[in-house]
Amino acid sequence: MPYSREYNTYRQKVGKQAQDNTELQIEYEKILERVRQTKASVIRMGHRHFTAPVEEIDGTVDSVSPGGLTLKEYPGRKFQFSSVGTSAADMTARIIGKQNKRTRADAAKEVDRRRGELRQYLADNLSGESVRLVIPKGASENAENIRAVVMAGGTNINQVLLSRRTTKRTMVLLDATTGLRRGELLALCWKDIDFEVMVANVTKSVYRNVIGNTKTVASKKPVPIHPVVLEQLKLWRAESNYPNDSDFLFPSTLKNGAQPLQAE
């Protein structure tokens, strides 16, 4: 979870003021440490579980959005995806980045686009579906907005949403389940992913930013993709600034997507 752009700007400004003032510098470092601890605590929330008492309820999804869902069996109640919030400010800061020359107006449009993609993804996969929710005990009887862990077909939707912006997670999942070489993985474009047949068509490799043939002729073949990894790829495509068929799965933002990330 990144800090906002405004926070980084203010931190640099205060840091310069504290350089020649030992007392102020000590207080500055204390504040930074508290911010780091808070950030670490928020990150850990993504892996937490509800403590007892809790209960499980079943229902059919009536409506769904990035903020949560409603169930036909519980009218007037909104079940929010627990620990899955992302502010527009954080999304904007991530989109603009340090090297990105986009204006805030452009970034705002991109935020709307990504939320629209996510809303469509949730609608396609959850609308009208049967789900099981883990909620605080008794909350469905006396609360209108309820934090919930949402399970659909054995999939923890909360965890899927938490991981939807992680490039490295997608890369690691794809590499670990396919066994592709680094160059083959980084050379993949969206047109190489067949979402219907559930395969990655490996046709090329990259080495030192040069696209060429795979290491062996036998490497040029369709590679099966696990359904869980395929869902992660769909989420990553909705999140990526470069989702077109000709774009790389893992593009370099420093090169404006013209080249893939370099292997470390």
Foldseek 3Di string as FASTA:
>chain_A
DDDFPVVVVVLVVQCVVCPVPVVSNVVSVVVVVVVVVVVVVLVVQLVDDDDPDKDKDKFWWAAAFQQFTDGPVQPLATEGAPSQDDDLRNQLRVVCDDQRPDDSVVSSVLVVQLRVLVRVVCCVPGHGAMKMWIWHPPCSPPHRYTYTFIGGPNDGVSNLSNCLAPLVVLLCLFCVVFVDDPFQQQPFFQLQADLVVQWGQRAWGDDPQDIGGDPDPVVGGTTHHDPVSSSSLSSNLSSDPDNDRGFTSAADVNVVRPTHDHDD
